[in-house]
Amino acid sequence: MGLGVGIFLIAVGAILAFAVNATSGAVDVHTVGWILMGVGLASVLLALMFWQSWAGPGYWTRRRTTYVDDGPPAGPPL
């Protein structure tokens, strides 16, 4: 899941937990809302944690090595 899906789940869960006043004998709507908010929060946290790996593994931690070329090696004098 991505960042957008996580935010969507949090919004739907908040609506079910706080704004819906319906009751059902089989399903507690408020509990489903809290569960959706928890899953959405976990999804957002995971998306943010793996955000830096979208550029490829080790992209930001790769060391850059500079090679200096001093020209051709000195040969015997003429």
N, C-alpha and C. Protein backbone atom coordinates (compact mmCIF):
# COMPACT_ATOMS: atom_id res chain seq x y z
N MET A 1 0.84 -1.18 0.00
CA MET A 1 0.00 0.00 0.00
C MET A 1 0.87 1.23 0.00
N GLY A 2 0.37 2.28 -0.54
CA GLY A 2 1.13 3.51 -0.61
C GLY A 2 0.62 4.55 0.37
N LEU A 3 1.16 5.71 0.22
CA LEU A 3 0.81 6.82 1.10
C LEU A 3 -0.65 7.23 0.91
N GLY A 4 -1.09 7.30 -0.33
CA GLY A 4 -2.47 7.70 -0.61
C GLY A 4 -3.49 6.71 -0.06
N VAL A 5 -3.21 5.43 -0.20
CA VAL A 5 -4.13 4.41 0.31
C VAL A 5 -4.19 4.47 1.84
N GLY A 6 -3.06 4.71 2.47
CA GLY A 6 -3.03 4.81 3.93
C GLY A 6 -3.85 5.99 4.43
N ILE A 7 -3.72 7.13 3.75
CA ILE A 7 -4.49 8.31 4.15
C ILE A 7 -5.98 8.07 3.91
N PHE A 8 -6.31 7.40 2.81
CA PHE A 8 -7.71 7.05 2.53
C PHE A 8 -8.27 6.14 3.61
N LEU A 9 -7.51 5.13 4.04
CA LEU A 9 -7.99 4.22 5.09
C LEU A 9 -8.18 4.95 6.41
N ILE A 10 -7.29 5.88 6.72
CA ILE A 10 -7.44 6.65 7.95
C ILE A 10 -8.72 7.49 7.89
N ALA A 11 -8.99 8.10 6.74
CA ALA A 11 -10.19 8.93 6.60
C ALA A 11 -11.46 8.10 6.72
N VAL A 12 -11.50 6.96 6.03
CA VAL A 12 -12.70 6.10 6.10
C VAL A 12 -12.88 5.56 7.51
N GLY A 13 -11.77 5.17 8.15
CA GLY A 13 -11.86 4.68 9.52
C GLY A 13 -12.35 5.74 10.49
N ALA A 14 -11.90 6.98 10.31
CA ALA A 14 -12.36 8.07 11.18
C ALA A 14 -13.84 8.34 10.97
N ILE A 15 -14.29 8.26 9.73
CA ILE A 15 -15.72 8.45 9.48
C ILE A 15 -16.53 7.35 10.15
N LEU A 16 -16.10 6.10 10.03
CA LEU A 16 -16.83 5.00 10.66
C LEU A 16 -16.78 5.07 12.18
N ALA A 17 -15.64 5.49 12.74
CA ALA A 17 -15.48 5.49 14.19
C ALA A 17 -16.20 6.67 14.85
N PHE A 18 -16.22 7.83 14.19
CA PHE A 18 -16.72 9.02 14.87
C PHE A 18 -18.03 9.57 14.30
N ALA A 19 -18.31 9.34 13.03
CA ALA A 19 -19.45 10.01 12.41
C ALA A 19 -20.66 9.11 12.17
N VAL A 20 -20.49 7.82 12.17
CA VAL A 20 -21.59 6.91 11.88
C VAL A 20 -22.26 6.51 13.19
N ASN A 21 -23.58 6.64 13.23
CA ASN A 21 -24.33 6.28 14.44
C ASN A 21 -25.15 5.01 14.25
N ALA A 22 -24.89 4.27 13.18
CA ALA A 22 -25.65 3.04 12.91
C ALA A 22 -25.14 1.91 13.80
N THR A 23 -26.02 1.03 14.15
CA THR A 23 -25.65 -0.15 14.94
C THR A 23 -26.06 -1.40 14.18
N SER A 24 -25.30 -2.44 14.39
CA SER A 24 -25.59 -3.71 13.76
C SER A 24 -25.33 -4.80 14.78
N GLY A 25 -26.10 -5.85 14.70
CA GLY A 25 -25.93 -6.95 15.63
C GLY A 25 -24.71 -7.81 15.29
N ALA A 26 -24.31 -7.82 14.03
CA ALA A 26 -23.22 -8.69 13.60
C ALA A 26 -21.86 -7.99 13.64
N VAL A 27 -21.83 -6.69 13.32
CA VAL A 27 -20.56 -5.98 13.19
C VAL A 27 -20.62 -4.69 13.98
N ASP A 28 -19.60 -4.42 14.76
CA ASP A 28 -19.49 -3.14 15.46
C ASP A 28 -18.77 -2.16 14.53
N VAL A 29 -19.52 -1.18 14.03
CA VAL A 29 -19.00 -0.25 13.03
C VAL A 29 -17.87 0.59 13.60
N HIS A 30 -17.96 0.94 14.87
CA HIS A 30 -16.91 1.76 15.50
C HIS A 30 -15.59 1.00 15.60
N THR A 31 -15.67 -0.27 15.91
CA THR A 31 -14.46 -1.09 15.98
C THR A 31 -13.82 -1.25 14.60
N VAL A 32 -14.64 -1.43 13.57
CA VAL A 32 -14.12 -1.53 12.21
C VAL A 32 -13.42 -0.22 11.84
N GLY A 33 -13.99 0.91 12.25
CA GLY A 33 -13.36 2.20 11.99
C GLY A 33 -12.01 2.33 12.65
N TRP A 34 -11.92 1.91 13.90
CA TRP A 34 -10.62 1.97 14.60
C TRP A 34 -9.60 1.04 13.96
N ILE A 35 -10.04 -0.12 13.51
CA ILE A 35 -9.13 -1.06 12.85
C ILE A 35 -8.63 -0.45 11.54
N LEU A 36 -9.53 0.16 10.76
CA LEU A 36 -9.11 0.79 9.51
C LEU A 36 -8.14 1.94 9.76
N MET A 37 -8.37 2.71 10.81
CA MET A 37 -7.43 3.79 11.13
C MET A 37 -6.05 3.24 11.51
N GLY A 38 -6.02 2.14 12.24
CA GLY A 38 -4.74 1.53 12.60
C GLY A 38 -3.99 0.99 11.40
N VAL A 39 -4.72 0.32 10.51
CA VAL A 39 -4.09 -0.21 9.29
C VAL A 39 -3.60 0.93 8.41
N GLY A 40 -4.38 2.00 8.31
CA GLY A 40 -3.98 3.16 7.52
C GLY A 40 -2.75 3.83 8.10
N LEU A 41 -2.69 3.96 9.42
CA LEU A 41 -1.52 4.55 10.07
C LEU A 41 -0.27 3.69 9.83
N ALA A 42 -0.42 2.37 9.93
CA ALA A 42 0.71 1.49 9.67
C ALA A 42 1.17 1.61 8.22
N SER A 43 0.22 1.74 7.30
CA SER A 43 0.57 1.89 5.89
C SER A 43 1.31 3.20 5.63
N VAL A 44 0.86 4.28 6.25
CA VAL A 44 1.54 5.57 6.08
C VAL A 44 2.96 5.51 6.65
N LEU A 45 3.11 4.91 7.82
CA LEU A 45 4.44 4.80 8.43
C LEU A 45 5.39 3.96 7.58
N LEU A 46 4.89 2.85 7.05
CA LEU A 46 5.73 2.01 6.19
C LEU A 46 6.09 2.73 4.90
N ALA A 47 5.15 3.48 4.33
CA ALA A 47 5.44 4.21 3.11
C ALA A 47 6.50 5.27 3.35
N LEU A 48 6.43 5.95 4.49
CA LEU A 48 7.43 6.97 4.80
C LEU A 48 8.78 6.35 5.12
N MET A 49 8.76 5.17 5.73
CA MET A 49 10.01 4.51 6.08
C MET A 49 10.76 4.05 4.82
N PHE A 50 10.00 3.58 3.82
CA PHE A 50 10.63 3.10 2.60
C PHE A 50 10.70 4.16 1.51
N TRP A 51 10.39 5.40 1.83
CA TRP A 51 10.39 6.49 0.85
C TRP A 51 11.75 6.65 0.20
N GLN A 52 12.83 6.56 1.00
CA GLN A 52 14.16 6.78 0.44
C GLN A 52 14.62 5.63 -0.43
N SER A 53 14.03 4.46 -0.32
CA SER A 53 14.47 3.33 -1.13
C SER A 53 13.83 3.35 -2.51
N TRP A 54 12.94 4.31 -2.80
CA TRP A 54 12.32 4.37 -4.12
C TRP A 54 13.33 4.72 -5.19
N ALA A 55 14.42 5.39 -4.84
CA ALA A 55 15.43 5.75 -5.82
C ALA A 55 16.36 4.57 -6.13
N GLY A 56 16.17 3.48 -5.44
CA GLY A 56 17.01 2.31 -5.66
C GLY A 56 17.79 1.99 -4.40
N PRO A 57 18.14 0.75 -4.21
CA PRO A 57 18.85 0.39 -2.99
C PRO A 57 20.23 1.03 -2.93
N GLY A 58 20.51 1.68 -1.83
CA GLY A 58 21.83 2.27 -1.62
C GLY A 58 22.09 3.54 -2.39
N TYR A 59 21.04 4.18 -2.92
CA TYR A 59 21.25 5.37 -3.74
C TYR A 59 21.83 6.51 -2.92
N TRP A 60 21.30 6.72 -1.73
CA TRP A 60 21.74 7.85 -0.92
C TRP A 60 22.97 7.52 -0.09
N THR A 61 23.27 6.26 0.11
CA THR A 61 24.41 5.89 0.95
C THR A 61 25.62 5.48 0.13
N ARG A 62 25.52 5.51 -1.18
CA ARG A 62 26.63 5.10 -2.03
C ARG A 62 27.77 6.11 -1.92
N ARG A 63 28.98 5.61 -1.77
CA ARG A 63 30.15 6.50 -1.70
C ARG A 63 30.57 6.88 -3.10
N ARG A 64 30.97 8.10 -3.23
CA ARG A 64 31.46 8.57 -4.52
C ARG A 64 32.98 8.65 -4.45
N THR A 65 33.63 7.97 -5.37
CA THR A 65 35.08 7.92 -5.39
C THR A 65 35.58 8.78 -6.54
N THR A 66 36.58 9.60 -6.26
CA THR A 66 37.16 10.45 -7.28
C THR A 66 38.54 9.93 -7.61
N TYR A 67 38.79 9.72 -8.89
CA TYR A 67 40.08 9.26 -9.34
C TYR A 67 40.81 10.44 -9.99
N VAL A 68 42.06 10.63 -9.62
CA VAL A 68 42.86 11.72 -10.17
C VAL A 68 43.84 11.13 -11.17
N ASP A 69 43.82 11.66 -12.39
CA ASP A 69 44.74 11.20 -13.43
C ASP A 69 45.84 12.24 -13.58
N ASP A 70 47.07 11.85 -13.23
CA ASP A 70 48.20 12.77 -13.30
C ASP A 70 48.87 12.75 -14.68
N GLY A 71 48.33 12.08 -15.59
CA GLY A 71 48.92 12.02 -16.93
C GLY A 71 49.67 10.70 -17.10
N PRO A 72 50.38 10.56 -18.20
CA PRO A 72 51.10 9.32 -18.45
C PRO A 72 52.29 9.20 -17.48
N PRO A 73 52.69 7.97 -17.19
CA PRO A 73 53.82 7.80 -16.29
C PRO A 73 55.11 8.35 -16.92
N ALA A 74 55.96 8.84 -16.06
CA ALA A 74 57.24 9.40 -16.55
C ALA A 74 58.14 8.28 -17.03
N GLY A 75 58.67 8.43 -18.23
CA GLY A 75 59.57 7.42 -18.79
C GLY A 75 61.03 7.85 -18.59
N PRO A 76 61.94 7.11 -19.12
CA PRO A 76 63.36 7.49 -18.99
C PRO A 76 63.62 8.76 -19.80
N PRO A 77 64.46 9.62 -19.30
CA PRO A 77 64.75 10.88 -20.04
C PRO A 77 65.43 10.58 -21.36
N LEU A 78 65.19 11.39 -22.36
CA LEU A 78 65.79 11.21 -23.68
C LEU A 78 67.11 11.85 -23.80
